Amino acid sequence: MRPSAAAFLLAAAVFPAAAADKPCSEADKAIDGVTSWPALQKAAADFGHCDKGPTADLFTEAVLRV
């Protein structure tokens, strides 16, 4: 059973503070390389706090790609 996009977005909304100390400068590269649900979950955990502007678009593209 594959997790839904809604489940991913819920998890990203609940756990972004845990990774708030990671810099956003590496977010674009990490999110752009996402090709699986586990990778998307890791990117959300690592860079969920960066989900604004162009980085938000990359998260959307990653969800659609997976």
PDB file of N, CA and C in Angstrom:
ATOM      1  N   MET A   1       0.834  -1.175   0.000  1.00  0.00           N
ATOM      2  CA  MET A   1       0.000   0.000   0.000  1.00  0.00           C
ATOM      3  C   MET A   1       0.884   1.246   0.000  1.00  0.00           C
ATOM      4  N   ARG A   2       0.662   2.119  -0.935  1.00  0.00           N
ATOM      5  CA  ARG A   2       1.451   3.336  -1.046  1.00  0.00           C
ATOM      6  C   ARG A   2       0.795   4.454  -0.260  1.00  0.00           C
ATOM      7  N   PRO A   3       1.597   5.224   0.459  1.00  0.00           N
ATOM      8  CA  PRO A   3       1.031   6.354   1.191  1.00  0.00           C
ATOM      9  C   PRO A   3       0.487   7.396   0.213  1.00  0.00           C
ATOM     10  N   SER A   4      -0.566   8.040   0.598  1.00  0.00           N
ATOM     11  CA  SER A   4      -1.152   9.065  -0.250  1.00  0.00           C
ATOM     12  C   SER A   4      -0.407  10.389  -0.080  1.00  0.00           C
ATOM     13  N   ALA A   5      -0.621  11.267  -1.031  1.00  0.00           N
ATOM     14  CA  ALA A   5      -0.019  12.599  -0.946  1.00  0.00           C
ATOM     15  C   ALA A   5      -0.545  13.335   0.280  1.00  0.00           C
ATOM     16  N   ALA A   6      -1.811  13.082   0.631  1.00  0.00           N
ATOM     17  CA  ALA A   6      -2.381  13.733   1.811  1.00  0.00           C
ATOM     18  C   ALA A   6      -1.651  13.287   3.080  1.00  0.00           C
ATOM     19  N   ALA A   7      -1.316  11.995   3.149  1.00  0.00           N
ATOM     20  CA  ALA A   7      -0.585  11.496   4.312  1.00  0.00           C
ATOM     21  C   ALA A   7       0.790  12.148   4.393  1.00  0.00           C
ATOM     22  N   PHE A   8       1.440  12.301   3.247  1.00  0.00           N
ATOM     23  CA  PHE A   8       2.742  12.962   3.224  1.00  0.00           C
ATOM     24  C   PHE A   8       2.627  14.404   3.713  1.00  0.00           C
ATOM     25  N   LEU A   9       1.653  15.118   3.195  1.00  0.00           N
ATOM     26  CA  LEU A   9       1.504  16.520   3.581  1.00  0.00           C
ATOM     27  C   LEU A   9       1.169  16.653   5.061  1.00  0.00           C
ATOM     28  N   LEU A  10       0.374  15.735   5.581  1.00  0.00           N
ATOM     29  CA  LEU A  10       0.069  15.757   7.002  1.00  0.00           C
ATOM     30  C   LEU A  10       1.327  15.526   7.825  1.00  0.00           C
ATOM     31  N   ALA A  11       2.134  14.538   7.421  1.00  0.00           N
ATOM     32  CA  ALA A  11       3.380  14.262   8.142  1.00  0.00           C
ATOM     33  C   ALA A  11       4.329  15.457   8.061  1.00  0.00           C
ATOM     34  N   ALA A  12       4.395  16.086   6.904  1.00  0.00           N
ATOM     35  CA  ALA A  12       5.279  17.244   6.739  1.00  0.00           C
ATOM     36  C   ALA A  12       4.819  18.409   7.611  1.00  0.00           C
ATOM     37  N   ALA A  13       3.519  18.533   7.797  1.00  0.00           N
ATOM     38  CA  ALA A  13       3.000  19.622   8.624  1.00  0.00           C
ATOM     39  C   ALA A  13       3.231  19.367  10.109  1.00  0.00           C
ATOM     40  N   VAL A  14       3.261  18.105  10.495  1.00  0.00           N
ATOM     41  CA  VAL A  14       3.383  17.755  11.908  1.00  0.00           C
ATOM     42  C   VAL A  14       4.832  17.776  12.387  1.00  0.00           C
ATOM     43  N   PHE A  15       5.780  17.383  11.535  1.00  0.00           N
ATOM     44  CA  PHE A  15       7.157  17.194  11.973  1.00  0.00           C
ATOM     45  C   PHE A  15       8.189  18.199  11.451  1.00  0.00           C
ATOM     46  N   PRO A  16       7.833  19.366  10.940  1.00  0.00           N
ATOM     47  CA  PRO A  16       8.873  20.245  10.395  1.00  0.00           C
ATOM     48  C   PRO A  16       9.796  20.852  11.434  1.00  0.00           C
ATOM     49  N   ALA A  17       9.354  21.022  12.654  1.00  0.00           N
ATOM     50  CA  ALA A  17      10.174  21.681  13.663  1.00  0.00           C
ATOM     51  C   ALA A  17      11.382  20.841  14.060  1.00  0.00           C
ATOM     52  N   ALA A  18      11.319  19.546  13.866  1.00  0.00           N
ATOM     53  CA  ALA A  18      12.421  18.676  14.259  1.00  0.00           C
ATOM     54  C   ALA A  18      13.678  18.951  13.447  1.00  0.00           C
ATOM     55  N   ALA A  19      13.528  19.463  12.242  1.00  0.00           N
ATOM     56  CA  ALA A  19      14.683  19.698  11.382  1.00  0.00           C
ATOM     57  C   ALA A  19      14.919  21.186  11.138  1.00  0.00           C
ATOM     58  N   ALA A  20      14.360  22.042  11.944  1.00  0.00           N
ATOM     59  CA  ALA A  20      14.447  23.476  11.712  1.00  0.00           C
ATOM     60  C   ALA A  20      15.869  24.011  11.763  1.00  0.00           C
ATOM     61  N   ASP A  21      16.791  23.235  12.314  1.00  0.00           N
ATOM     62  CA  ASP A  21      18.161  23.717  12.409  1.00  0.00           C
ATOM     63  C   ASP A  21      18.980  23.416  11.155  1.00  0.00           C
ATOM     64  N   LYS A  22      18.428  22.687  10.190  1.00  0.00           N
ATOM     65  CA  LYS A  22      19.168  22.384   8.962  1.00  0.00           C
ATOM     66  C   LYS A  22      19.054  23.564   7.997  1.00  0.00           C
ATOM     67  N   PRO A  23      20.143  23.903   7.326  1.00  0.00           N
ATOM     68  CA  PRO A  23      20.105  25.039   6.406  1.00  0.00           C
ATOM     69  C   PRO A  23      19.288  24.729   5.155  1.00  0.00           C
ATOM     70  N   CYS A  24      18.628  25.731   4.641  1.00  0.00           N
ATOM     71  CA  CYS A  24      17.799  25.554   3.450  1.00  0.00           C
ATOM     72  C   CYS A  24      18.609  25.590   2.160  1.00  0.00           C
ATOM     73  N   SER A  25      19.884  25.930   2.240  1.00  0.00           N
ATOM     74  CA  SER A  25      20.691  26.051   1.025  1.00  0.00           C
ATOM     75  C   SER A  25      20.853  24.720   0.295  1.00  0.00           C
ATOM     76  N   GLU A  26      20.721  23.607   1.004  1.00  0.00           N
ATOM     77  CA  GLU A  26      20.865  22.291   0.379  1.00  0.00           C
ATOM     78  C   GLU A  26      19.522  21.677  -0.001  1.00  0.00           C
ATOM     79  N   ALA A  27      18.420  22.343   0.323  1.00  0.00           N
ATOM     80  CA  ALA A  27      17.088  21.776   0.131  1.00  0.00           C
ATOM     81  C   ALA A  27      16.776  21.514  -1.336  1.00  0.00           C
ATOM     82  N   ASP A  28      17.059  22.473  -2.198  1.00  0.00           N
ATOM     83  CA  ASP A  28      16.691  22.325  -3.606  1.00  0.00           C
ATOM     84  C   ASP A  28      17.312  21.086  -4.236  1.00  0.00           C
ATOM     85  N   LYS A  29      18.581  20.872  -3.983  1.00  0.00           N
ATOM     86  CA  LYS A  29      19.271  19.715  -4.558  1.00  0.00           C
ATOM     87  C   LYS A  29      18.704  18.409  -4.005  1.00  0.00           C
ATOM     88  N   ALA A  30      18.458  18.371  -2.704  1.00  0.00           N
ATOM     89  CA  ALA A  30      17.952  17.156  -2.070  1.00  0.00           C
ATOM     90  C   ALA A  30      16.542  16.823  -2.555  1.00  0.00           C
ATOM     91  N   ILE A  31      15.678  17.814  -2.641  1.00  0.00           N
ATOM     92  CA  ILE A  31      14.295  17.587  -3.046  1.00  0.00           C
ATOM     93  C   ILE A  31      14.225  17.235  -4.526  1.00  0.00           C
ATOM     94  N   ASP A  32      15.079  17.845  -5.327  1.00  0.00           N
ATOM     95  CA  ASP A  32      15.084  17.575  -6.763  1.00  0.00           C
ATOM     96  C   ASP A  32      15.467  16.128  -7.070  1.00  0.00           C
ATOM     97  N   GLY A  33      16.198  15.470  -6.174  1.00  0.00           N
ATOM     98  CA  GLY A  33      16.625  14.091  -6.401  1.00  0.00           C
ATOM     99  C   GLY A  33      15.669  13.045  -5.853  1.00  0.00           C
ATOM    100  N   VAL A  34      14.522  13.448  -5.338  1.00  0.00           N
ATOM    101  CA  VAL A  34      13.562  12.512  -4.745  1.00  0.00           C
ATOM    102  C   VAL A  34      12.893  11.672  -5.826  1.00  0.00           C
ATOM    103  N   THR A  35      12.938  10.332  -5.652  1.00  0.00           N
ATOM    104  CA  THR A  35      12.304   9.432  -6.616  1.00  0.00           C
ATOM    105  C   THR A  35      11.493   8.324  -5.946  1.00  0.00           C
ATOM    106  N   SER A  36      11.361   8.369  -4.612  1.00  0.00           N
ATOM    107  CA  SER A  36      10.602   7.332  -3.906  1.00  0.00           C
ATOM    108  C   SER A  36       9.920   7.942  -2.685  1.00  0.00           C
ATOM    109  N   TRP A  37       8.919   7.215  -2.156  1.00  0.00           N
ATOM    110  CA  TRP A  37       8.230   7.702  -0.961  1.00  0.00           C
ATOM    111  C   TRP A  37       9.172   7.844   0.228  1.00  0.00           C
ATOM    112  N   PRO A  38      10.042   6.853   0.481  1.00  0.00           N
ATOM    113  CA  PRO A  38      10.964   7.031   1.607  1.00  0.00           C
ATOM    114  C   PRO A  38      11.873   8.258   1.440  1.00  0.00           C
ATOM    115  N   ALA A  39      12.320   8.506   0.217  1.00  0.00           N
ATOM    116  CA  ALA A  39      13.162   9.678  -0.034  1.00  0.00           C
ATOM    117  C   ALA A  39      12.371  10.972   0.164  1.00  0.00           C
ATOM    118  N   LEU A  40      11.104  10.949  -0.234  1.00  0.00           N
ATOM    119  CA  LEU A  40      10.252  12.121  -0.053  1.00  0.00           C
ATOM    120  C   LEU A  40      10.002  12.376   1.431  1.00  0.00           C
ATOM    121  N   GLN A  41       9.787  11.320   2.194  1.00  0.00           N
ATOM    122  CA  GLN A  41       9.598  11.473   3.639  1.00  0.00           C
ATOM    123  C   GLN A  41      10.854  12.026   4.301  1.00  0.00           C
ATOM    124  N   LYS A  42      12.025  11.564   3.865  1.00  0.00           N
ATOM    125  CA  LYS A  42      13.281  12.067   4.416  1.00  0.00           C
ATOM    126  C   LYS A  42      13.468  13.542   4.069  1.00  0.00           C
ATOM    127  N   ALA A  43      13.167  13.896   2.811  1.00  0.00           N
ATOM    128  CA  ALA A  43      13.295  15.297   2.396  1.00  0.00           C
ATOM    129  C   ALA A  43      12.357  16.184   3.204  1.00  0.00           C
ATOM    130  N   ALA A  44      11.138  15.702   3.456  1.00  0.00           N
ATOM    131  CA  ALA A  44      10.185  16.481   4.245  1.00  0.00           C
ATOM    132  C   ALA A  44      10.672  16.629   5.682  1.00  0.00           C
ATOM    133  N   ALA A  45      11.248  15.555   6.223  1.00  0.00           N
ATOM    134  CA  ALA A  45      11.759  15.619   7.589  1.00  0.00           C
ATOM    135  C   ALA A  45      12.954  16.556   7.683  1.00  0.00           C
ATOM    136  N   ASP A  46      13.823  16.510   6.665  1.00  0.00           N
ATOM    137  CA  ASP A  46      15.040  17.321   6.687  1.00  0.00           C
ATOM    138  C   ASP A  46      14.795  18.783   6.312  1.00  0.00           C
ATOM    139  N   PHE A  47      13.887  19.019   5.355  1.00  0.00           N
ATOM    140  CA  PHE A  47      13.747  20.359   4.795  1.00  0.00           C
ATOM    141  C   PHE A  47      12.310  20.879   4.776  1.00  0.00           C
ATOM    142  N   GLY A  48      11.431  20.297   5.586  1.00  0.00           N
ATOM    143  CA  GLY A  48      10.051  20.757   5.643  1.00  0.00           C
ATOM    144  C   GLY A  48       9.934  22.220   6.050  1.00  0.00           C
ATOM    145  N   HIS A  49      10.865  22.679   6.862  1.00  0.00           N
ATOM    146  CA  HIS A  49      10.851  24.077   7.302  1.00  0.00           C
ATOM    147  C   HIS A  49      11.215  25.042   6.171  1.00  0.00           C
ATOM    148  N   CYS A  50      11.721  24.514   5.062  1.00  0.00           N
ATOM    149  CA  CYS A  50      12.104  25.354   3.921  1.00  0.00           C
ATOM    150  C   CYS A  50      10.991  25.435   2.874  1.00  0.00           C
ATOM    151  N   ASP A  51       9.821  24.887   3.175  1.00  0.00           N
ATOM    152  CA  ASP A  51       8.737  24.744   2.199  1.00  0.00           C
ATOM    153  C   ASP A  51       8.042  26.076   1.929  1.00  0.00           C
ATOM    154  N   LYS A  52       8.806  26.978   1.296  1.00  0.00           N
ATOM    155  CA  LYS A  52       8.290  28.293   0.925  1.00  0.00           C
ATOM    156  C   LYS A  52       8.846  28.668  -0.447  1.00  0.00           C
ATOM    157  N   GLY A  53       8.108  29.447  -1.197  1.00  0.00           N
ATOM    158  CA  GLY A  53       8.578  29.951  -2.484  1.00  0.00           C
ATOM    159  C   GLY A  53       8.964  28.864  -3.454  1.00  0.00           C
ATOM    160  N   PRO A  54      10.118  28.997  -4.096  1.00  0.00           N
ATOM    161  CA  PRO A  54      10.544  28.024  -5.093  1.00  0.00           C
ATOM    162  C   PRO A  54      10.739  26.618  -4.522  1.00  0.00           C
ATOM    163  N   THR A  55      11.120  26.517  -3.271  1.00  0.00           N
ATOM    164  CA  THR A  55      11.299  25.209  -2.651  1.00  0.00           C
ATOM    165  C   THR A  55       9.952  24.505  -2.518  1.00  0.00           C
ATOM    166  N   ALA A  56       8.900  25.242  -2.265  1.00  0.00           N
ATOM    167  CA  ALA A  56       7.558  24.648  -2.200  1.00  0.00           C
ATOM    168  C   ALA A  56       7.192  24.037  -3.546  1.00  0.00           C
ATOM    169  N   ASP A  57       7.569  24.710  -4.629  1.00  0.00           N
ATOM    170  CA  ASP A  57       7.314  24.164  -5.963  1.00  0.00           C
ATOM    171  C   ASP A  57       8.075  22.862  -6.176  1.00  0.00           C
ATOM    172  N   LEU A  58       9.279  22.776  -5.651  1.00  0.00           N
ATOM    173  CA  LEU A  58      10.051  21.541  -5.781  1.00  0.00           C
ATOM    174  C   LEU A  58       9.413  20.402  -4.991  1.00  0.00           C
ATOM    175  N   PHE A  59       8.869  20.701  -3.820  1.00  0.00           N
ATOM    176  CA  PHE A  59       8.149  19.679  -3.057  1.00  0.00           C
ATOM    177  C   PHE A  59       6.940  19.182  -3.861  1.00  0.00           C
ATOM    178  N   THR A  60       6.203  20.105  -4.479  1.00  0.00           N
ATOM    179  CA  THR A  60       5.049  19.716  -5.291  1.00  0.00           C
ATOM    180  C   THR A  60       5.471  18.828  -6.445  1.00  0.00           C
ATOM    181  N   GLU A  61       6.539  19.196  -7.136  1.00  0.00           N
ATOM    182  CA  GLU A  61       7.043  18.390  -8.245  1.00  0.00           C
ATOM    183  C   GLU A  61       7.476  17.014  -7.760  1.00  0.00           C
ATOM    184  N   ALA A  62       8.094  16.952  -6.584  1.00  0.00           N
ATOM    185  CA  ALA A  62       8.542  15.674  -6.033  1.00  0.00           C
ATOM    186  C   ALA A  62       7.355  14.769  -5.729  1.00  0.00           C
ATOM    187  N   VAL A  63       6.290  15.341  -5.166  1.00  0.00           N
ATOM    188  CA  VAL A  63       5.095  14.545  -4.881  1.00  0.00           C
ATOM    189  C   VAL A  63       4.507  14.001  -6.183  1.00  0.00           C
ATOM    190  N   LEU A  64       4.430  14.835  -7.196  1.00  0.00           N
ATOM    191  CA  LEU A  64       3.895  14.393  -8.483  1.00  0.00           C
ATOM    192  C   LEU A  64       4.797  13.351  -9.141  1.00  0.00           C
ATOM    193  N   ARG A  65       6.092  13.496  -8.996  1.00  0.00           N
ATOM    194  CA  ARG A  65       7.046  12.548  -9.590  1.00  0.00           C
ATOM    195  C   ARG A  65       6.931  11.169  -8.950  1.00  0.00           C
ATOM    196  N   VAL A  66       6.748  11.152  -7.637  1.00  0.00           N
ATOM    197  CA  VAL A  66       6.651   9.876  -6.922  1.00  0.00           C
ATOM    198  C   VAL A  66       5.321   9.232  -7.224  1.00  0.00           C
TER     199      VAL A  66
END
